[in-house]
C-alpha atoms as a PDB file:
ATOM      1  CA  MET A   1       7.915 -21.685   3.496  1.00  0.00           C
ATOM      2  CA  ALA A   2      11.571 -22.421   3.907  1.00  0.00           C
ATOM      3  CA  LYS A   3      11.174 -24.892   0.944  1.00  0.00           C
ATOM      4  CA  GLN A   4       9.466 -21.369  -1.297  1.00  0.00           C
ATOM      5  CA  ASP A   5      13.029 -19.219   0.160  1.00  0.00           C
ATOM      6  CA  THR A   6      15.467 -22.052  -1.449  1.00  0.00           C
ATOM      7  CA  HIS A   7      13.799 -22.020  -4.322  1.00  0.00           C
ATOM      8  CA  ARG A   8      13.493 -18.551  -4.948  1.00  0.00           C
ATOM      9  CA  MET A   9      17.257 -18.319  -3.022  1.00  0.00           C
ATOM     10  CA  LEU A  10      18.093 -21.209  -6.265  1.00  0.00           C
ATOM     11  CA  LEU A  11      16.437 -18.325  -8.434  1.00  0.00           C
ATOM     12  CA  LEU A  12      18.997 -15.549  -7.508  1.00  0.00           C
ATOM     13  CA  LEU A  13      22.140 -17.696  -8.015  1.00  0.00           C
ATOM     14  CA  ILE A  14      21.340 -19.932 -10.662  1.00  0.00           C
ATOM     15  CA  PRO A  15      21.791 -17.090 -12.605  1.00  0.00           C
ATOM     16  CA  LEU A  16      24.851 -15.070 -10.960  1.00  0.00           C
ATOM     17  CA  GLY A  17      27.320 -18.284 -10.618  1.00  0.00           C
ATOM     18  CA  LEU A  18      26.643 -18.034 -15.135  1.00  0.00           C
ATOM     19  CA  LEU A  19      27.286 -15.095 -15.234  1.00  0.00           C
ATOM     20  CA  LEU A  20      30.190 -15.462 -12.816  1.00  0.00           C
ATOM     21  CA  THR A  21      31.606 -18.398 -14.944  1.00  0.00           C
ATOM     22  CA  GLY A  22      31.491 -16.293 -18.315  1.00  0.00           C
ATOM     23  CA  CYS A  23      28.592 -19.703 -19.150  1.00  0.00           C
ATOM     24  CA  ALA A  24      25.343 -16.540 -18.777  1.00  0.00           C
ATOM     25  CA  SER A  25      23.445 -15.781 -22.434  1.00  0.00           C
ATOM     26  CA  GLN A  26      23.485 -12.393 -24.129  1.00  0.00           C
ATOM     27  CA  GLU A  27      19.854 -11.900 -22.648  1.00  0.00           C
ATOM     28  CA  MET A  28      20.474 -12.930 -19.403  1.00  0.00           C
ATOM     29  CA  VAL A  29      23.417 -10.899 -18.701  1.00  0.00           C
ATOM     30  CA  PRO A  30      22.985  -7.856 -20.393  1.00  0.00           C
ATOM     31  CA  THR A  31      27.644  -6.288 -20.878  1.00  0.00           C
ATOM     32  CA  VAL A  32      27.456  -2.546 -21.522  1.00  0.00           C
ATOM     33  CA  ALA A  33      30.609  -1.187 -21.683  1.00  0.00           C
ATOM     34  CA  SER A  34      32.026   1.481 -18.672  1.00  0.00           C
ATOM     35  CA  PRO A  35      33.984   5.019 -20.364  1.00  0.00           C
ATOM     36  CA  SER A  36      36.489   3.068 -18.262  1.00  0.00           C
ATOM     37  CA  ALA A  37      36.811   0.059 -20.452  1.00  0.00           C
ATOM     38  CA  THR A  38      36.266   1.457 -23.342  1.00  0.00           C
ATOM     39  CA  GLU A  39      39.421   3.887 -22.624  1.00  0.00           C
ATOM     40  CA  GLN A  40      41.743   1.411 -20.895  1.00  0.00           C
ATOM     41  CA  ARG A  41      40.327  -1.174 -24.789  1.00  0.00           C
ATOM     42  CA  LEU A  42      41.443   1.909 -27.143  1.00  0.00           C
ATOM     43  CA  THR A  43      44.501   2.159 -24.643  1.00  0.00           C
ATOM     44  CA  ASP A  44      45.719  -0.991 -25.013  1.00  0.00           C
ATOM     45  CA  LEU A  45      45.109  -0.455 -28.611  1.00  0.00           C
ATOM     46  CA  GLU A  46      46.946   2.523 -29.599  1.00  0.00           C
ATOM     47  CA  ARG A  47      50.306   0.712 -27.880  1.00  0.00           C
ATOM     48  CA  ARG A  48      49.319  -2.379 -30.026  1.00  0.00           C
ATOM     49  CA  VAL A  49      49.818   0.402 -33.365  1.00  0.00           C
ATOM     50  CA  GLN A  50      53.097   1.299 -31.460  1.00  0.00           C
ATOM     51  CA  ARG A  51      54.306  -1.342 -31.392  1.00  0.00           C
ATOM     52  CA  LEU A  52      53.623  -2.575 -34.352  1.00  0.00           C
ATOM     53  CA  GLU A  53      55.593   1.003 -36.844  1.00  0.00           C
ATOM     54  CA  LEU A  54      58.581   0.222 -34.815  1.00  0.00           C
ATOM     55  CA  ARG A  55      58.956  -2.826 -36.150  1.00  0.00           C
ATOM     56  CA  PRO A  56      61.855  -3.357 -38.354  1.00  0.00           C
ATOM     57  CA  PRO A  57      60.698  -3.676 -41.787  1.00  0.00           C
ATOM     58  CA  VAL A  58      60.092  -6.687 -43.661  1.00  0.00           C
ATOM     59  CA  GLU A  59      62.769  -7.682 -46.734  1.00  0.00           C
ATOM     60  CA  ALA A  60      62.232  -9.390 -49.590  1.00  0.00           C
ATOM     61  CA  PRO A  61      63.077 -12.340 -49.450  1.00  0.00           C
ATOM     62  CA  TYR A  62      66.235 -12.549 -52.737  1.00  0.00           C
ATOM     63  CA  ARG A  63      66.579 -14.244 -55.521  1.00  0.00           C
ATOM     64  CA  ASN A  64      69.986 -15.829 -56.665  1.00  0.00           C
ATOM     65  CA  ARG A  65      72.837 -17.336 -54.891  1.00  0.00           C
ATOM     66  CA  ASP A  66      75.773 -14.244 -54.802  1.00  0.00           C
ATOM     67  CA  ASP A  67      72.696 -11.834 -53.033  1.00  0.00           C
ATOM     68  CA  ILE A  68      71.861 -14.786 -50.138  1.00  0.00           C
ATOM     69  CA  GLN A  69      75.469 -15.033 -50.157  1.00  0.00           C
ATOM     70  CA  ALA A  70      76.735 -11.867 -50.057  1.00  0.00           C
ATOM     71  CA  HIS A  71      73.885 -10.974 -47.282  1.00  0.00           C
ATOM     72  CA  ILE A  72      74.572 -13.680 -44.846  1.00  0.00           C
ATOM     73  CA  SER A  73      78.323 -13.106 -44.683  1.00  0.00           C
ATOM     74  CA  GLN A  74      77.253  -9.766 -43.994  1.00  0.00           C
ATOM     75  CA  LEU A  75      75.501 -11.071 -40.705  1.00  0.00           C
ATOM     76  CA  GLU A  76      77.869 -12.806 -39.768  1.00  0.00           C
ATOM     77  CA  ALA A  77      79.267 -10.700 -39.734  1.00  0.00           C
ATOM     78  CA  GLU A  78      77.602  -8.258 -37.426  1.00  0.00           C
ATOM     79  CA  ARG A  79      76.998 -10.947 -35.596  1.00  0.00           C
ATOM     80  CA  GLY A  80      80.996 -11.325 -34.526  1.00  0.00           C
ATOM     81  CA  LYS A  81      80.352  -7.647 -33.241  1.00  0.00           C
ATOM     82  CA  LEU A  82      77.730  -8.016 -32.094  1.00  0.00           C
ATOM     83  CA  LEU A  83      79.454 -10.791 -30.046  1.00  0.00           C
ATOM     84  CA  LEU A  84      82.477  -8.797 -28.753  1.00  0.00           C
ATOM     85  CA  LYS A  85      80.302  -7.466 -26.424  1.00  0.00           C
ATOM     86  CA  TYR A  86      76.413  -9.135 -26.384  1.00  0.00           C
ATOM     87  CA  THR A  87      75.767 -13.686 -25.384  1.00  0.00           C
ATOM     88  CA  GLU A  88      74.331 -15.461 -28.266  1.00  0.00           C
ATOM     89  CA  LEU A  89      70.917 -14.832 -25.863  1.00  0.00           C
ATOM     90  CA  ASN A  90      71.438 -11.263 -26.406  1.00  0.00           C
ATOM     91  CA  PRO A  91      67.990 -10.488 -28.374  1.00  0.00           C
ATOM     92  CA  ALA A  92      70.248  -8.977 -30.889  1.00  0.00           C
ATOM     93  CA  VAL A  93      71.917 -11.781 -31.651  1.00  0.00           C
ATOM     94  CA  ARG A  94      68.930 -14.364 -31.365  1.00  0.00           C
ATOM     95  CA  ASP A  95      67.844 -12.331 -34.355  1.00  0.00           C
ATOM     96  CA  ILE A  96      70.480 -12.268 -36.927  1.00  0.00           C
ATOM     97  CA  ASP A  97      70.354 -16.367 -36.370  1.00  0.00           C
ATOM     98  CA  ARG A  98      66.946 -16.615 -37.205  1.00  0.00           C
ATOM     99  CA  LYS A  99      67.958 -14.852 -40.319  1.00  0.00           C
ATOM    100  CA  LEU A 100      70.972 -16.569 -40.694  1.00  0.00           C
ATOM    101  CA  LEU A 101      68.458 -19.508 -40.656  1.00  0.00           C
ATOM    102  CA  ILE A 102      66.197 -18.560 -43.584  1.00  0.00           C
ATOM    103  CA  LEU A 103      68.294 -16.988 -45.271  1.00  0.00           C
ATOM    104  CA  ARG A 104      71.372 -20.688 -45.484  1.00  0.00           C
ATOM    105  CA  GLU A 105      67.614 -21.940 -46.210  1.00  0.00           C
ATOM    106  CA  GLN A 106      66.221 -20.297 -48.978  1.00  0.00           C
ATOM    107  CA  LEU A 107      70.289 -21.312 -50.577  1.00  0.00           C
ATOM    108  CA  ARG A 108      69.225 -24.223 -49.364  1.00  0.00           C
ATOM    109  CA  MET A 109      66.222 -24.226 -52.083  1.00  0.00           C
ATOM    110  CA  LEU A 110      68.333 -22.369 -54.305  1.00  0.00           C
ATOM    111  CA  GLU A 111      70.793 -25.986 -54.910  1.00  0.00           C
ATOM    112  CA  PRO A 112      69.167 -27.880 -57.627  1.00  0.00           C
END
């Protein structure tokens, strides 16, 4: 009788173990999203959309050397103003540094 009880216990524990480790098949474990999980996912998606809408627009690359130089000068001036208040670790300063890096790379690619 003890062996039979042990066998039944194993038959119950194996699917439970697979479920807990995420290895269970879809036939073994039916998944039904609860209303709260669906609402949470909807809230997360709405938050992502809002963050995407708040991102600055993507700027088209500059085509000639003069435009690139002018934009570099403008960004360097803006960076200088920011450094009067903030350190180089400030997100706005780092964003300008990233833009300057991209523009300098574009300028380097234009050189013969």
